[in-house]
Amino acid sequence: MKILLVRSALLFVMFALVASVAFAQEDEIVASLQNMLGRVQVVQKTNGETVQGRVGLLLRAGDTIVTADDSRATIKFRDGSEIRLFQNTRFVLQGAKESVGQDRSFKYDLLLRAGSVWGLFVKQRQTAKITTPTATIGIKGTSFRLTEQDNKARVALTEGLIDVSNERKTIELEPGKRITDFTRVDDISTKVQPI
């Protein structure tokens, strides 16, 4: 009986430690708001509250950033990468992980529900994925522009490399190219054009 109680107590302690570590990672600061103009709001995942954006506001995994008409903001990540949000954009910092050690790196999981963003990601220090209702963009250190509106996406690449995927196809987009007004089921390889 004592052995059963000790085992139960140990399992409870282990569960509590795992839960606290998972919460700490989810609550970790991954970015901050910078260069704001107009009305910007942040829906905080930790408490569900909506707060007014301000320069220097710390952002955590799960937070949603919303820009209104004639508004914009920059999200600055810990590795120096940044994303600019343009007007009428809903952007979610779904997750972020940092690998520490000699080869410190970052992994971002982002969601563009609607609107337009421009991103500049530091080469060789991170991997990032931006999901939209239409496509998934795999980022490999680059400068790009992405728009999602009315279940159609547009993406343009100025430098670096990105993978663009929808339900039908995956392609690697080269610098100086763009894909305009594609849906989830379009053959995106036929829509590649010069910028």
N, C-alpha and C. Protein backbone atom coordinates (compact mmCIF):
# COMPACT_ATOMS: atom_id res chain seq x y z
N MET A 1 0.83 -1.20 0.00
CA MET A 1 0.00 0.00 0.00
C MET A 1 0.87 1.26 0.00
N LYS A 2 1.96 1.23 0.83
CA LYS A 2 2.86 2.39 0.89
C LYS A 2 3.53 2.62 -0.47
N ILE A 3 3.90 1.52 -1.13
CA ILE A 3 4.55 1.64 -2.44
C ILE A 3 3.60 2.30 -3.44
N LEU A 4 2.33 1.92 -3.40
CA LEU A 4 1.33 2.50 -4.28
C LEU A 4 1.16 3.99 -4.01
N LEU A 5 1.14 4.40 -2.76
CA LEU A 5 1.03 5.82 -2.41
C LEU A 5 2.25 6.61 -2.86
N VAL A 6 3.45 6.02 -2.66
CA VAL A 6 4.68 6.69 -3.08
C VAL A 6 4.69 6.85 -4.60
N ARG A 7 4.32 5.81 -5.32
CA ARG A 7 4.27 5.89 -6.79
C ARG A 7 3.26 6.95 -7.24
N SER A 8 2.10 6.99 -6.62
CA SER A 8 1.08 7.98 -6.96
C SER A 8 1.59 9.38 -6.70
N ALA A 9 2.27 9.58 -5.58
CA ALA A 9 2.83 10.89 -5.25
C ALA A 9 3.89 11.30 -6.26
N LEU A 10 4.76 10.35 -6.64
CA LEU A 10 5.80 10.64 -7.63
C LEU A 10 5.19 11.00 -8.99
N LEU A 11 4.18 10.26 -9.41
CA LEU A 11 3.50 10.57 -10.68
C LEU A 11 2.87 11.95 -10.64
N PHE A 12 2.26 12.31 -9.50
CA PHE A 12 1.65 13.63 -9.37
C PHE A 12 2.71 14.73 -9.48
N VAL A 13 3.85 14.54 -8.79
CA VAL A 13 4.93 15.54 -8.83
C VAL A 13 5.47 15.66 -10.25
N MET A 14 5.68 14.52 -10.93
CA MET A 14 6.19 14.56 -12.30
C MET A 14 5.20 15.27 -13.23
N PHE A 15 3.91 14.99 -13.08
CA PHE A 15 2.90 15.66 -13.90
C PHE A 15 2.91 17.17 -13.65
N ALA A 16 3.03 17.58 -12.40
CA ALA A 16 3.06 19.00 -12.06
C ALA A 16 4.28 19.68 -12.67
N LEU A 17 5.43 19.01 -12.63
CA LEU A 17 6.64 19.59 -13.22
C LEU A 17 6.52 19.73 -14.73
N VAL A 18 6.01 18.69 -15.39
CA VAL A 18 5.83 18.75 -16.84
C VAL A 18 4.85 19.85 -17.21
N ALA A 19 3.75 19.97 -16.48
CA ALA A 19 2.76 21.01 -16.75
C ALA A 19 3.35 22.39 -16.56
N SER A 20 4.17 22.58 -15.52
CA SER A 20 4.75 23.91 -15.28
C SER A 20 5.77 24.26 -16.35
N VAL A 21 6.56 23.28 -16.81
CA VAL A 21 7.51 23.53 -17.89
C VAL A 21 6.76 23.87 -19.18
N ALA A 22 5.71 23.13 -19.50
CA ALA A 22 4.92 23.41 -20.71
C ALA A 22 4.32 24.80 -20.63
N PHE A 23 3.80 25.20 -19.46
CA PHE A 23 3.23 26.54 -19.31
C PHE A 23 4.30 27.60 -19.49
N ALA A 24 5.48 27.37 -18.91
CA ALA A 24 6.55 28.36 -19.02
C ALA A 24 6.94 28.56 -20.48
N GLN A 25 7.00 27.48 -21.28
CA GLN A 25 7.36 27.61 -22.69
C GLN A 25 6.27 28.36 -23.45
N GLU A 26 5.01 28.09 -23.14
CA GLU A 26 3.90 28.73 -23.83
C GLU A 26 3.82 30.21 -23.47
N ASP A 27 4.23 30.55 -22.25
CA ASP A 27 4.14 31.91 -21.76
C ASP A 27 5.40 32.72 -22.08
N GLU A 28 6.36 32.12 -22.76
CA GLU A 28 7.63 32.77 -23.03
C GLU A 28 7.46 33.94 -23.99
N ILE A 29 8.18 35.00 -23.73
CA ILE A 29 8.16 36.18 -24.60
C ILE A 29 8.93 35.84 -25.87
N VAL A 30 8.30 36.06 -27.03
CA VAL A 30 8.94 35.71 -28.30
C VAL A 30 9.20 36.93 -29.19
N ALA A 31 8.54 38.05 -28.90
CA ALA A 31 8.69 39.22 -29.76
C ALA A 31 8.16 40.45 -29.03
N SER A 32 8.26 41.60 -29.71
CA SER A 32 7.68 42.83 -29.17
C SER A 32 7.13 43.66 -30.32
N LEU A 33 6.21 44.57 -29.99
CA LEU A 33 5.65 45.48 -30.99
C LEU A 33 6.57 46.68 -31.16
N GLN A 34 6.74 47.11 -32.39
CA GLN A 34 7.58 48.26 -32.72
C GLN A 34 6.91 49.07 -33.83
N ASN A 35 7.35 50.30 -34.03
CA ASN A 35 6.96 51.14 -35.18
C ASN A 35 5.46 51.09 -35.48
N MET A 36 4.65 51.46 -34.53
CA MET A 36 3.20 51.41 -34.70
C MET A 36 2.66 52.72 -35.28
N LEU A 37 1.56 52.56 -36.03
CA LEU A 37 0.83 53.71 -36.54
C LEU A 37 -0.64 53.33 -36.53
N GLY A 38 -1.50 54.19 -35.98
CA GLY A 38 -2.93 53.92 -35.97
C GLY A 38 -3.33 53.01 -34.82
N ARG A 39 -4.44 52.30 -35.03
CA ARG A 39 -5.02 51.47 -33.97
C ARG A 39 -4.57 50.01 -34.12
N VAL A 40 -3.86 49.54 -33.11
CA VAL A 40 -3.37 48.16 -33.08
C VAL A 40 -3.79 47.55 -31.76
N GLN A 41 -4.34 46.34 -31.81
CA GLN A 41 -4.76 45.65 -30.60
C GLN A 41 -4.09 44.28 -30.53
N VAL A 42 -3.91 43.80 -29.29
CA VAL A 42 -3.34 42.48 -29.06
C VAL A 42 -4.31 41.69 -28.19
N VAL A 43 -4.72 40.53 -28.70
CA VAL A 43 -5.54 39.61 -27.91
C VAL A 43 -4.56 38.64 -27.27
N GLN A 44 -4.44 38.74 -25.95
CA GLN A 44 -3.45 37.94 -25.22
C GLN A 44 -3.99 36.54 -24.94
N LYS A 45 -3.20 35.55 -25.29
CA LYS A 45 -3.64 34.17 -25.08
C LYS A 45 -3.69 33.82 -23.59
N THR A 46 -2.76 34.36 -22.81
CA THR A 46 -2.66 33.95 -21.41
C THR A 46 -3.91 34.26 -20.61
N ASN A 47 -4.59 35.39 -20.92
CA ASN A 47 -5.77 35.75 -20.14
C ASN A 47 -6.99 36.09 -21.00
N GLY A 48 -6.86 36.05 -22.32
CA GLY A 48 -7.98 36.32 -23.21
C GLY A 48 -8.34 37.79 -23.34
N GLU A 49 -7.59 38.66 -22.68
CA GLU A 49 -7.88 40.10 -22.73
C GLU A 49 -7.37 40.73 -24.03
N THR A 50 -8.08 41.77 -24.47
CA THR A 50 -7.65 42.57 -25.61
C THR A 50 -7.06 43.87 -25.06
N VAL A 51 -5.79 44.14 -25.42
CA VAL A 51 -5.12 45.35 -24.94
C VAL A 51 -4.71 46.20 -26.13
N GLN A 52 -4.63 47.50 -25.89
CA GLN A 52 -4.14 48.42 -26.92
C GLN A 52 -2.66 48.17 -27.14
N GLY A 53 -2.26 48.10 -28.41
CA GLY A 53 -0.85 47.93 -28.72
C GLY A 53 -0.09 49.20 -28.40
N ARG A 54 1.15 49.03 -28.04
CA ARG A 54 2.05 50.16 -27.79
C ARG A 54 3.48 49.71 -28.10
N VAL A 55 4.32 50.64 -28.47
CA VAL A 55 5.70 50.30 -28.79
C VAL A 55 6.34 49.68 -27.56
N GLY A 56 6.98 48.53 -27.76
CA GLY A 56 7.64 47.83 -26.68
C GLY A 56 6.79 46.78 -26.00
N LEU A 57 5.50 46.67 -26.36
CA LEU A 57 4.64 45.66 -25.75
C LEU A 57 5.19 44.28 -26.06
N LEU A 58 5.38 43.47 -25.02
CA LEU A 58 5.93 42.13 -25.19
C LEU A 58 4.84 41.17 -25.66
N LEU A 59 5.21 40.32 -26.62
CA LEU A 59 4.27 39.37 -27.22
C LEU A 59 4.70 37.95 -26.89
N ARG A 60 3.70 37.12 -26.59
CA ARG A 60 3.95 35.73 -26.22
C ARG A 60 3.33 34.79 -27.27
N ALA A 61 3.77 33.55 -27.25
CA ALA A 61 3.18 32.54 -28.13
C ALA A 61 1.69 32.47 -27.88
N GLY A 62 0.92 32.50 -28.96
CA GLY A 62 -0.53 32.44 -28.87
C GLY A 62 -1.22 33.79 -28.97
N ASP A 63 -0.48 34.89 -28.84
CA ASP A 63 -1.07 36.22 -28.95
C ASP A 63 -1.49 36.51 -30.40
N THR A 64 -2.59 37.26 -30.55
CA THR A 64 -3.09 37.68 -31.85
C THR A 64 -2.96 39.19 -31.97
N ILE A 65 -2.36 39.67 -33.05
CA ILE A 65 -2.18 41.10 -33.28
C ILE A 65 -3.15 41.51 -34.39
N VAL A 66 -3.92 42.57 -34.14
CA VAL A 66 -4.95 43.02 -35.07
C VAL A 66 -4.71 44.49 -35.39
N THR A 67 -4.63 44.81 -36.69
CA THR A 67 -4.50 46.21 -37.11
C THR A 67 -5.81 46.66 -37.75
N ALA A 68 -6.17 47.91 -37.52
CA ALA A 68 -7.41 48.48 -38.06
C ALA A 68 -7.11 49.20 -39.38
N ASP A 69 -8.13 49.89 -39.93
CA ASP A 69 -7.94 50.71 -41.13
C ASP A 69 -6.81 51.70 -40.90
N ASP A 70 -6.02 51.95 -41.95
CA ASP A 70 -4.94 52.93 -41.91
C ASP A 70 -4.01 52.72 -40.71
N SER A 71 -3.75 51.48 -40.34
CA SER A 71 -2.88 51.15 -39.21
C SER A 71 -1.83 50.15 -39.64
N ARG A 72 -0.74 50.14 -38.90
CA ARG A 72 0.30 49.15 -39.14
C ARG A 72 1.19 49.02 -37.91
N ALA A 73 1.93 47.94 -37.87
CA ALA A 73 2.83 47.69 -36.74
C ALA A 73 3.91 46.72 -37.20
N THR A 74 5.03 46.74 -36.50
CA THR A 74 6.11 45.81 -36.75
C THR A 74 6.26 44.90 -35.55
N ILE A 75 6.39 43.61 -35.82
CA ILE A 75 6.70 42.63 -34.78
C ILE A 75 8.18 42.31 -34.90
N LYS A 76 8.92 42.55 -33.83
CA LYS A 76 10.37 42.30 -33.82
C LYS A 76 10.63 41.06 -32.96
N PHE A 77 11.23 40.03 -33.56
CA PHE A 77 11.51 38.78 -32.87
C PHE A 77 12.87 38.84 -32.17
N ARG A 78 13.08 37.92 -31.27
CA ARG A 78 14.29 37.91 -30.46
C ARG A 78 15.56 37.69 -31.27
N ASP A 79 15.46 37.06 -32.44
CA ASP A 79 16.65 36.82 -33.26
C ASP A 79 16.93 37.96 -34.23
N GLY A 80 16.12 39.02 -34.19
CA GLY A 80 16.31 40.15 -35.10
C GLY A 80 15.40 40.12 -36.31
N SER A 81 14.71 39.01 -36.54
CA SER A 81 13.75 38.93 -37.65
C SER A 81 12.58 39.86 -37.35
N GLU A 82 11.88 40.28 -38.39
CA GLU A 82 10.72 41.15 -38.17
C GLU A 82 9.65 40.91 -39.22
N ILE A 83 8.42 41.21 -38.81
CA ILE A 83 7.27 41.15 -39.71
C ILE A 83 6.51 42.45 -39.56
N ARG A 84 6.22 43.10 -40.69
CA ARG A 84 5.40 44.30 -40.68
C ARG A 84 3.97 43.93 -41.04
N LEU A 85 3.04 44.34 -40.21
CA LEU A 85 1.63 44.11 -40.46
C LEU A 85 1.04 45.38 -41.04
N PHE A 86 0.28 45.24 -42.12
CA PHE A 86 -0.37 46.37 -42.74
C PHE A 86 -1.82 46.44 -42.26
N GLN A 87 -2.58 47.40 -42.77
CA GLN A 87 -3.95 47.63 -42.28
C GLN A 87 -4.84 46.39 -42.44
N ASN A 88 -5.82 46.28 -41.55
CA ASN A 88 -6.83 45.22 -41.58
C ASN A 88 -6.21 43.82 -41.61
N THR A 89 -5.27 43.60 -40.72
CA THR A 89 -4.56 42.32 -40.65
C THR A 89 -4.81 41.66 -39.30
N ARG A 90 -5.00 40.34 -39.32
CA ARG A 90 -5.09 39.49 -38.11
C ARG A 90 -3.96 38.48 -38.20
N PHE A 91 -3.03 38.57 -37.26
CA PHE A 91 -1.81 37.76 -37.29
C PHE A 91 -1.61 37.11 -35.94
N VAL A 92 -1.34 35.79 -35.94
CA VAL A 92 -1.22 35.03 -34.69
C VAL A 92 0.19 34.46 -34.56
N LEU A 93 0.80 34.69 -33.40
CA LEU A 93 2.09 34.07 -33.07
C LEU A 93 1.77 32.71 -32.46
N GLN A 94 1.51 31.71 -33.30
CA GLN A 94 1.05 30.41 -32.80
C GLN A 94 2.06 29.74 -31.89
N GLY A 95 3.32 29.80 -32.23
CA GLY A 95 4.32 29.14 -31.40
C GLY A 95 5.71 29.60 -31.74
N ALA A 96 6.60 29.44 -30.79
CA ALA A 96 8.01 29.77 -31.00
C ALA A 96 8.84 28.89 -30.08
N LYS A 97 9.93 28.37 -30.63
CA LYS A 97 10.85 27.56 -29.84
C LYS A 97 12.25 28.06 -30.08
N GLU A 98 13.04 28.04 -29.03
CA GLU A 98 14.44 28.45 -29.13
C GLU A 98 15.32 27.26 -28.76
N SER A 99 16.30 26.97 -29.62
CA SER A 99 17.29 25.95 -29.31
C SER A 99 18.52 26.67 -28.81
N VAL A 100 18.91 26.39 -27.59
CA VAL A 100 20.07 27.05 -27.00
C VAL A 100 21.30 26.17 -27.16
N GLY A 101 22.43 26.77 -26.98
CA GLY A 101 23.69 26.05 -27.14
C GLY A 101 24.56 26.78 -28.13
N GLN A 102 25.55 26.08 -28.65
CA GLN A 102 26.51 26.69 -29.57
C GLN A 102 25.83 27.18 -30.85
N ASP A 103 24.88 26.41 -31.35
CA ASP A 103 24.16 26.79 -32.57
C ASP A 103 22.75 27.26 -32.21
N ARG A 104 22.64 28.38 -31.53
CA ARG A 104 21.36 28.92 -31.10
C ARG A 104 20.48 29.20 -32.32
N SER A 105 19.25 28.72 -32.27
CA SER A 105 18.34 28.94 -33.40
C SER A 105 16.92 29.09 -32.89
N PHE A 106 16.04 29.57 -33.77
CA PHE A 106 14.65 29.81 -33.43
C PHE A 106 13.76 29.13 -34.46
N LYS A 107 12.59 28.69 -34.01
CA LYS A 107 11.60 28.09 -34.90
C LYS A 107 10.27 28.77 -34.62
N TYR A 108 9.67 29.38 -35.67
CA TYR A 108 8.42 30.12 -35.51
C TYR A 108 7.29 29.43 -36.28
N ASP A 109 6.13 29.39 -35.64
CA ASP A 109 4.91 28.89 -36.26
C ASP A 109 3.91 30.04 -36.21
N LEU A 110 3.60 30.61 -37.38
CA LEU A 110 2.81 31.84 -37.46
C LEU A 110 1.56 31.61 -38.31
N LEU A 111 0.55 32.43 -38.08
CA LEU A 111 -0.72 32.30 -38.79
C LEU A 111 -1.19 33.68 -39.25
N LEU A 112 -1.40 33.83 -40.55
CA LEU A 112 -1.99 35.04 -41.12
C LEU A 112 -3.43 34.71 -41.45
N ARG A 113 -4.36 35.16 -40.59
CA ARG A 113 -5.78 34.88 -40.82
C ARG A 113 -6.31 35.72 -41.99
N ALA A 114 -5.90 36.99 -42.04
CA ALA A 114 -6.33 37.89 -43.12
C ALA A 114 -5.41 39.10 -43.11
N GLY A 115 -5.28 39.75 -44.28
CA GLY A 115 -4.50 40.97 -44.35
C GLY A 115 -3.20 40.78 -45.11
N SER A 116 -2.26 41.71 -44.87
CA SER A 116 -0.97 41.71 -45.58
C SER A 116 0.17 41.88 -44.61
N VAL A 117 1.27 41.16 -44.90
CA VAL A 117 2.49 41.28 -44.11
C VAL A 117 3.69 41.34 -45.02
N TRP A 118 4.75 41.94 -44.52
CA TRP A 118 6.07 41.90 -45.14
C TRP A 118 7.00 41.33 -44.10
N GLY A 119 7.85 40.40 -44.49
CA GLY A 119 8.74 39.79 -43.52
C GLY A 119 10.18 39.82 -43.94
N LEU A 120 11.05 39.96 -42.95
CA LEU A 120 12.49 39.88 -43.15
C LEU A 120 13.02 38.95 -42.07
N PHE A 121 13.44 37.76 -42.47
CA PHE A 121 13.90 36.75 -41.52
C PHE A 121 15.41 36.58 -41.64
N VAL A 122 16.07 36.53 -40.49
CA VAL A 122 17.52 36.39 -40.43
C VAL A 122 17.92 35.03 -40.99
N LYS A 123 18.90 35.02 -41.86
CA LYS A 123 19.35 33.78 -42.48
C LYS A 123 20.10 32.91 -41.48
N GLN A 124 19.88 31.60 -41.59
CA GLN A 124 20.60 30.56 -40.88
C GLN A 124 20.44 30.60 -39.36
N ARG A 125 19.52 31.41 -38.83
CA ARG A 125 19.30 31.42 -37.39
C ARG A 125 17.91 30.96 -37.02
N GLN A 126 17.08 30.77 -38.02
CA GLN A 126 15.70 30.39 -37.71
C GLN A 126 15.07 29.65 -38.87
N THR A 127 13.98 28.97 -38.54
CA THR A 127 13.07 28.44 -39.55
C THR A 127 11.70 28.97 -39.17
N ALA A 128 10.91 29.25 -40.16
CA ALA A 128 9.59 29.81 -39.88
C ALA A 128 8.59 29.25 -40.88
N LYS A 129 7.36 29.15 -40.39
CA LYS A 129 6.26 28.70 -41.24
C LYS A 129 5.10 29.66 -40.99
N ILE A 130 4.55 30.22 -42.08
CA ILE A 130 3.36 31.06 -41.98
C ILE A 130 2.23 30.33 -42.69
N THR A 131 1.17 30.06 -41.95
CA THR A 131 -0.01 29.40 -42.51
C THR A 131 -1.09 30.44 -42.75
N THR A 132 -1.79 30.33 -43.87
CA THR A 132 -2.95 31.17 -44.17
C THR A 132 -4.10 30.22 -44.50
N PRO A 133 -5.32 30.71 -44.64
CA PRO A 133 -6.40 29.83 -45.07
C PRO A 133 -6.16 29.21 -46.45
N THR A 134 -5.29 29.81 -47.25
CA THR A 134 -5.04 29.36 -48.61
C THR A 134 -3.77 28.52 -48.75
N ALA A 135 -2.70 28.89 -48.04
CA ALA A 135 -1.40 28.28 -48.30
C ALA A 135 -0.55 28.22 -47.04
N THR A 136 0.56 27.49 -47.17
CA THR A 136 1.58 27.47 -46.13
C THR A 136 2.89 27.91 -46.76
N ILE A 137 3.55 28.85 -46.09
CA ILE A 137 4.80 29.40 -46.60
C ILE A 137 5.92 28.96 -45.66
N GLY A 138 6.88 28.20 -46.19
CA GLY A 138 8.05 27.79 -45.42
C GLY A 138 9.18 28.75 -45.71
N ILE A 139 9.67 29.42 -44.69
CA ILE A 139 10.62 30.51 -44.86
C ILE A 139 12.03 30.05 -44.49
N LYS A 140 13.00 30.40 -45.34
CA LYS A 140 14.39 29.99 -45.13
C LYS A 140 15.31 31.21 -45.15
N GLY A 141 15.09 32.17 -44.28
CA GLY A 141 15.93 33.37 -44.25
C GLY A 141 15.71 34.20 -45.48
N THR A 142 14.85 35.21 -45.41
CA THR A 142 14.38 35.82 -46.64
C THR A 142 13.67 37.14 -46.42
N SER A 143 13.34 37.81 -47.52
CA SER A 143 12.52 39.01 -47.52
C SER A 143 11.36 38.76 -48.48
N PHE A 144 10.13 38.88 -47.98
CA PHE A 144 8.96 38.53 -48.79
C PHE A 144 7.77 39.40 -48.42
N ARG A 145 6.72 39.32 -49.24
CA ARG A 145 5.44 39.97 -48.99
C ARG A 145 4.36 38.93 -49.18
N LEU A 146 3.37 38.89 -48.26
CA LEU A 146 2.30 37.90 -48.30
C LEU A 146 0.98 38.59 -48.00
N THR A 147 -0.04 38.30 -48.81
CA THR A 147 -1.38 38.84 -48.61
C THR A 147 -2.38 37.70 -48.67
N GLU A 148 -3.34 37.72 -47.73
CA GLU A 148 -4.45 36.76 -47.71
C GLU A 148 -5.73 37.56 -47.62
N GLN A 149 -6.60 37.39 -48.64
CA GLN A 149 -7.86 38.12 -48.65
C GLN A 149 -8.89 37.35 -49.47
N ASP A 150 -10.07 37.17 -48.91
CA ASP A 150 -11.18 36.50 -49.60
C ASP A 150 -10.78 35.13 -50.14
N ASN A 151 -10.07 34.34 -49.33
CA ASN A 151 -9.63 32.98 -49.68
C ASN A 151 -8.74 32.92 -50.91
N LYS A 152 -8.00 34.00 -51.14
CA LYS A 152 -6.97 34.04 -52.17
C LYS A 152 -5.72 34.63 -51.55
N ALA A 153 -4.57 34.14 -52.02
CA ALA A 153 -3.29 34.62 -51.49
C ALA A 153 -2.43 35.16 -52.62
N ARG A 154 -1.51 36.05 -52.22
CA ARG A 154 -0.47 36.56 -53.11
C ARG A 154 0.83 36.55 -52.31
N VAL A 155 1.90 36.13 -52.95
CA VAL A 155 3.20 36.12 -52.28
C VAL A 155 4.25 36.58 -53.28
N ALA A 156 5.19 37.42 -52.81
CA ALA A 156 6.29 37.90 -53.64
C ALA A 156 7.58 37.77 -52.84
N LEU A 157 8.65 37.38 -53.52
CA LEU A 157 9.94 37.14 -52.86
C LEU A 157 11.00 38.04 -53.47
N THR A 158 11.68 38.82 -52.61
CA THR A 158 12.74 39.69 -53.11
C THR A 158 14.13 39.10 -52.90
N GLU A 159 14.32 38.33 -51.83
CA GLU A 159 15.59 37.64 -51.64
C GLU A 159 15.38 36.41 -50.76
N GLY A 160 16.31 35.46 -50.86
CA GLY A 160 16.21 34.24 -50.06
C GLY A 160 15.41 33.17 -50.78
N LEU A 161 14.83 32.26 -50.00
CA LEU A 161 14.03 31.17 -50.55
C LEU A 161 12.81 30.94 -49.68
N ILE A 162 11.71 30.57 -50.33
CA ILE A 162 10.52 30.13 -49.59
C ILE A 162 9.88 28.98 -50.33
N ASP A 163 9.25 28.09 -49.57
CA ASP A 163 8.41 27.06 -50.14
C ASP A 163 6.98 27.53 -50.02
N VAL A 164 6.22 27.41 -51.09
CA VAL A 164 4.81 27.78 -51.08
C VAL A 164 4.01 26.51 -51.35
N SER A 165 3.07 26.21 -50.44
CA SER A 165 2.26 24.99 -50.56
C SER A 165 0.79 25.33 -50.45
N ASN A 166 -0.01 24.65 -51.26
CA ASN A 166 -1.46 24.65 -51.08
C ASN A 166 -1.90 23.19 -51.15
N GLU A 167 -3.19 22.94 -51.22
CA GLU A 167 -3.67 21.56 -51.23
C GLU A 167 -3.22 20.77 -52.45
N ARG A 168 -2.85 21.46 -53.50
CA ARG A 168 -2.54 20.78 -54.77
C ARG A 168 -1.04 20.63 -55.04
N LYS A 169 -0.24 21.60 -54.60
CA LYS A 169 1.15 21.62 -55.06
C LYS A 169 2.06 22.32 -54.04
N THR A 170 3.35 22.00 -54.10
CA THR A 170 4.38 22.70 -53.34
C THR A 170 5.47 23.11 -54.33
N ILE A 171 5.86 24.39 -54.27
CA ILE A 171 6.96 24.85 -55.12
C ILE A 171 7.93 25.67 -54.29
N GLU A 172 9.16 25.76 -54.78
CA GLU A 172 10.14 26.64 -54.16
C GLU A 172 10.18 27.91 -55.00
N LEU A 173 9.85 29.03 -54.37
CA LEU A 173 9.80 30.31 -55.09
C LEU A 173 11.18 30.95 -55.05
N GLU A 174 11.62 31.44 -56.20
CA GLU A 174 12.94 32.05 -56.34
C GLU A 174 12.84 33.56 -56.16
N PRO A 175 13.95 34.21 -55.80
CA PRO A 175 13.95 35.68 -55.66
C PRO A 175 13.55 36.35 -56.98
N GLY A 176 12.80 37.45 -56.84
CA GLY A 176 12.35 38.19 -58.01
C GLY A 176 11.08 37.63 -58.64
N LYS A 177 10.47 36.64 -57.98
CA LYS A 177 9.25 36.02 -58.50
C LYS A 177 8.08 36.24 -57.54
N ARG A 178 6.88 36.08 -58.09
CA ARG A 178 5.66 36.20 -57.29
C ARG A 178 4.61 35.22 -57.79
N ILE A 179 3.65 34.95 -56.93
CA ILE A 179 2.48 34.15 -57.30
C ILE A 179 1.29 35.01 -56.90
N THR A 180 0.40 35.27 -57.85
CA THR A 180 -0.71 36.18 -57.57
C THR A 180 -2.04 35.47 -57.56
N ASP A 181 -2.90 35.92 -56.67
CA ASP A 181 -4.31 35.51 -56.59
C ASP A 181 -4.53 34.01 -56.79
N PHE A 182 -3.94 33.21 -55.91
CA PHE A 182 -4.16 31.77 -56.00
C PHE A 182 -5.02 31.29 -54.83
N THR A 183 -5.72 30.19 -55.07
CA THR A 183 -6.59 29.58 -54.06
C THR A 183 -5.94 28.31 -53.52
N ARG A 184 -6.64 27.64 -52.63
CA ARG A 184 -6.13 26.39 -52.05
C ARG A 184 -5.95 25.29 -53.08
N VAL A 185 -6.70 25.33 -54.17
CA VAL A 185 -6.69 24.22 -55.13
C VAL A 185 -6.07 24.57 -56.49
N ASP A 186 -5.56 25.78 -56.66
CA ASP A 186 -4.93 26.16 -57.92
C ASP A 186 -3.59 25.45 -58.08
N ASP A 187 -3.19 25.23 -59.33
CA ASP A 187 -1.84 24.76 -59.63
C ASP A 187 -0.92 25.99 -59.57
N ILE A 188 -0.29 26.19 -58.43
CA ILE A 188 0.47 27.43 -58.22
C ILE A 188 1.69 27.53 -59.15
N SER A 189 2.16 26.43 -59.69
CA SER A 189 3.31 26.51 -60.59
C SER A 189 2.97 27.26 -61.87
N THR A 190 1.69 27.31 -62.25
CA THR A 190 1.30 28.03 -63.46
C THR A 190 1.07 29.52 -63.20
N LYS A 191 1.14 29.94 -61.95
CA LYS A 191 0.86 31.34 -61.62
C LYS A 191 2.12 32.12 -61.23
N VAL A 192 3.29 31.52 -61.37
CA VAL A 192 4.55 32.20 -61.04
C VAL A 192 4.87 33.23 -62.10
N GLN A 193 5.20 34.46 -61.67
CA GLN A 193 5.52 35.55 -62.59
C GLN A 193 6.71 36.34 -62.03
N PRO A 194 7.38 37.12 -62.90
CA PRO A 194 8.39 38.04 -62.38
C PRO A 194 7.71 39.15 -61.58
N ILE A 195 8.41 39.69 -60.62
CA ILE A 195 7.86 40.81 -59.82
C ILE A 195 7.74 42.04 -60.71
